[in-house]
N, C-alpha and C. Protein backbone atom coordinates (compact mmCIF):
# COMPACT_ATOMS: atom_id res chain seq x y z
N MET A 1 -4.39 7.59 -13.69
CA MET A 1 -3.46 8.33 -14.51
C MET A 1 -2.28 8.76 -13.65
N ILE A 2 -1.09 8.58 -14.12
CA ILE A 2 0.12 8.94 -13.39
C ILE A 2 0.72 10.18 -14.04
N LYS A 3 1.04 11.17 -13.22
CA LYS A 3 1.66 12.39 -13.74
C LYS A 3 3.04 12.07 -14.29
N LYS A 4 3.41 12.74 -15.36
CA LYS A 4 4.70 12.49 -15.98
C LYS A 4 5.86 12.92 -15.10
N ASP A 5 5.66 13.93 -14.27
CA ASP A 5 6.75 14.40 -13.40
C ASP A 5 6.77 13.67 -12.07
N SER A 6 5.98 12.63 -11.93
CA SER A 6 5.90 11.87 -10.68
C SER A 6 7.20 11.09 -10.45
N SER A 7 7.64 11.05 -9.20
CA SER A 7 8.84 10.28 -8.87
C SER A 7 8.49 8.83 -8.55
N VAL A 8 7.21 8.50 -8.58
CA VAL A 8 6.76 7.13 -8.30
C VAL A 8 6.51 6.44 -9.64
N SER A 9 7.16 5.30 -9.83
CA SER A 9 7.05 4.60 -11.11
C SER A 9 5.70 3.89 -11.23
N PRO A 10 5.25 3.66 -12.46
CA PRO A 10 3.98 2.96 -12.68
C PRO A 10 3.94 1.57 -12.03
N SER A 11 5.07 0.87 -11.99
CA SER A 11 5.08 -0.46 -11.38
C SER A 11 4.87 -0.37 -9.87
N VAL A 12 5.36 0.70 -9.24
CA VAL A 12 5.15 0.90 -7.81
C VAL A 12 3.68 1.23 -7.55
N VAL A 13 3.09 2.06 -8.41
CA VAL A 13 1.67 2.39 -8.28
C VAL A 13 0.83 1.13 -8.41
N ALA A 14 1.17 0.27 -9.37
CA ALA A 14 0.44 -0.98 -9.56
C ALA A 14 0.57 -1.89 -8.34
N ALA A 15 1.77 -1.97 -7.77
CA ALA A 15 1.99 -2.82 -6.60
C ALA A 15 1.22 -2.30 -5.39
N ILE A 16 1.21 -0.99 -5.20
CA ILE A 16 0.47 -0.39 -4.08
C ILE A 16 -1.02 -0.64 -4.25
N THR A 17 -1.52 -0.43 -5.45
CA THR A 17 -2.93 -0.63 -5.73
C THR A 17 -3.33 -2.09 -5.51
N ALA A 18 -2.52 -3.02 -6.00
CA ALA A 18 -2.81 -4.45 -5.82
C ALA A 18 -2.79 -4.84 -4.35
N SER A 19 -1.86 -4.28 -3.60
CA SER A 19 -1.78 -4.59 -2.16
C SER A 19 -3.00 -4.08 -1.41
N LEU A 20 -3.41 -2.86 -1.73
CA LEU A 20 -4.60 -2.30 -1.08
C LEU A 20 -5.85 -3.08 -1.44
N LEU A 21 -5.95 -3.50 -2.67
CA LEU A 21 -7.10 -4.29 -3.13
C LEU A 21 -7.12 -5.66 -2.45
N ALA A 22 -5.95 -6.31 -2.39
CA ALA A 22 -5.87 -7.63 -1.77
C ALA A 22 -6.15 -7.56 -0.27
N GLY A 23 -5.75 -6.47 0.36
CA GLY A 23 -5.96 -6.31 1.79
C GLY A 23 -7.36 -5.87 2.16
N GLY A 24 -8.16 -5.55 1.16
CA GLY A 24 -9.54 -5.13 1.41
C GLY A 24 -9.67 -3.67 1.80
N TYR A 25 -8.61 -2.88 1.59
CA TYR A 25 -8.67 -1.46 1.94
C TYR A 25 -9.38 -0.63 0.87
N ILE A 26 -9.40 -1.14 -0.36
CA ILE A 26 -10.16 -0.49 -1.43
C ILE A 26 -10.92 -1.58 -2.18
N SER A 27 -11.95 -1.17 -2.90
CA SER A 27 -12.70 -2.13 -3.72
C SER A 27 -12.37 -1.87 -5.19
N ARG A 28 -12.84 -2.74 -6.05
CA ARG A 28 -12.53 -2.62 -7.48
C ARG A 28 -13.04 -1.34 -8.12
N ASP A 29 -14.12 -0.78 -7.58
CA ASP A 29 -14.67 0.43 -8.18
C ASP A 29 -14.06 1.71 -7.61
N GLU A 30 -13.14 1.60 -6.66
CA GLU A 30 -12.47 2.77 -6.10
C GLU A 30 -11.14 3.00 -6.83
N ARG A 31 -10.62 4.22 -6.70
CA ARG A 31 -9.34 4.51 -7.31
C ARG A 31 -8.47 5.31 -6.35
N ILE A 32 -7.19 5.26 -6.57
CA ILE A 32 -6.24 6.01 -5.75
C ILE A 32 -6.06 7.36 -6.41
N SER A 33 -6.24 8.43 -5.64
CA SER A 33 -6.15 9.76 -6.23
C SER A 33 -4.72 10.29 -6.25
N SER A 34 -3.89 9.89 -5.29
CA SER A 34 -2.50 10.36 -5.32
C SER A 34 -1.62 9.45 -4.48
N ILE A 35 -0.38 9.34 -4.88
CA ILE A 35 0.64 8.62 -4.14
C ILE A 35 1.85 9.53 -4.07
N CYS A 36 2.32 9.78 -2.88
CA CYS A 36 3.47 10.66 -2.69
C CYS A 36 4.64 9.85 -2.16
N HIS A 37 5.80 10.13 -2.69
CA HIS A 37 7.01 9.47 -2.21
C HIS A 37 7.50 10.19 -0.97
N ASN A 38 7.62 9.46 0.12
CA ASN A 38 8.13 10.01 1.37
C ASN A 38 9.59 9.62 1.46
N LYS A 39 10.48 10.56 1.26
CA LYS A 39 11.90 10.24 1.19
C LYS A 39 12.51 9.89 2.53
N THR A 40 11.95 10.40 3.61
CA THR A 40 12.50 10.09 4.92
C THR A 40 11.40 9.52 5.81
N MET A 41 11.76 8.58 6.64
CA MET A 41 10.81 8.03 7.60
C MET A 41 11.50 7.97 8.95
N ASN A 42 10.81 8.48 9.94
CA ASN A 42 11.31 8.43 11.29
C ASN A 42 11.54 6.96 11.68
N LEU A 43 12.69 6.67 12.26
CA LEU A 43 13.01 5.28 12.60
C LEU A 43 12.05 4.70 13.62
N TRP A 44 11.55 5.52 14.53
CA TRP A 44 10.56 5.04 15.51
C TRP A 44 9.25 4.68 14.80
N LYS A 45 8.86 5.50 13.85
CA LYS A 45 7.64 5.22 13.09
C LYS A 45 7.82 3.94 12.27
N ARG A 46 8.96 3.81 11.63
CA ARG A 46 9.23 2.61 10.84
C ARG A 46 9.16 1.36 11.71
N SER A 47 9.74 1.43 12.90
CA SER A 47 9.70 0.31 13.83
C SER A 47 8.27 -0.05 14.19
N GLY A 48 7.43 0.97 14.44
CA GLY A 48 6.03 0.74 14.77
C GLY A 48 5.26 0.12 13.62
N VAL A 49 5.53 0.60 12.40
CA VAL A 49 4.84 0.06 11.22
C VAL A 49 5.21 -1.40 11.02
N ILE A 50 6.48 -1.70 11.14
CA ILE A 50 6.93 -3.09 10.98
C ILE A 50 6.31 -3.98 12.05
N ASP A 51 6.25 -3.49 13.28
CA ASP A 51 5.64 -4.24 14.38
C ASP A 51 4.17 -4.53 14.08
N GLN A 52 3.43 -3.53 13.61
CA GLN A 52 2.02 -3.71 13.28
C GLN A 52 1.83 -4.69 12.12
N MET A 53 2.70 -4.61 11.12
CA MET A 53 2.60 -5.51 9.98
C MET A 53 2.86 -6.96 10.39
N GLN A 54 3.79 -7.16 11.31
CA GLN A 54 4.09 -8.52 11.76
C GLN A 54 2.96 -9.11 12.58
N LYS A 55 2.14 -8.28 13.19
CA LYS A 55 1.01 -8.76 14.00
C LYS A 55 -0.22 -9.09 13.16
N GLN A 56 -0.25 -8.66 11.90
CA GLN A 56 -1.41 -8.87 11.05
C GLN A 56 -1.57 -10.34 10.70
N ASP A 57 -2.81 -10.79 10.69
CA ASP A 57 -3.13 -12.15 10.29
C ASP A 57 -3.45 -12.11 8.80
N LEU A 58 -2.55 -12.57 7.98
CA LEU A 58 -2.73 -12.50 6.53
C LEU A 58 -3.25 -13.80 5.93
N MET A 59 -3.65 -14.73 6.78
CA MET A 59 -4.19 -15.99 6.28
C MET A 59 -5.59 -15.76 5.70
N ILE A 60 -5.84 -16.33 4.55
CA ILE A 60 -7.14 -16.19 3.89
C ILE A 60 -7.95 -17.46 4.16
N ASN A 61 -9.13 -17.30 4.70
CA ASN A 61 -10.00 -18.43 4.99
C ASN A 61 -10.90 -18.65 3.78
N ILE A 62 -10.62 -19.68 2.99
CA ILE A 62 -11.35 -19.95 1.76
C ILE A 62 -12.73 -20.54 2.07
N GLU A 63 -12.89 -21.21 3.18
CA GLU A 63 -14.13 -21.91 3.51
C GLU A 63 -15.29 -20.97 3.85
N SER A 64 -15.01 -19.74 4.20
CA SER A 64 -16.11 -18.85 4.60
C SER A 64 -16.71 -18.10 3.45
């Protein structure tokens, strides 16, 4: 359920949920309790997050 006064749109919530599910961070029986919009992000933190994301192996091994 999304609060009516939430600044996060339902499509963003759906995209975040789908990404977490696809990445294996949540399972189908789990739910997200809250999503907060962070209006500012430290540039050093952003650089670190991007660096970590680029190092991730996102290839799916279908044979296993």
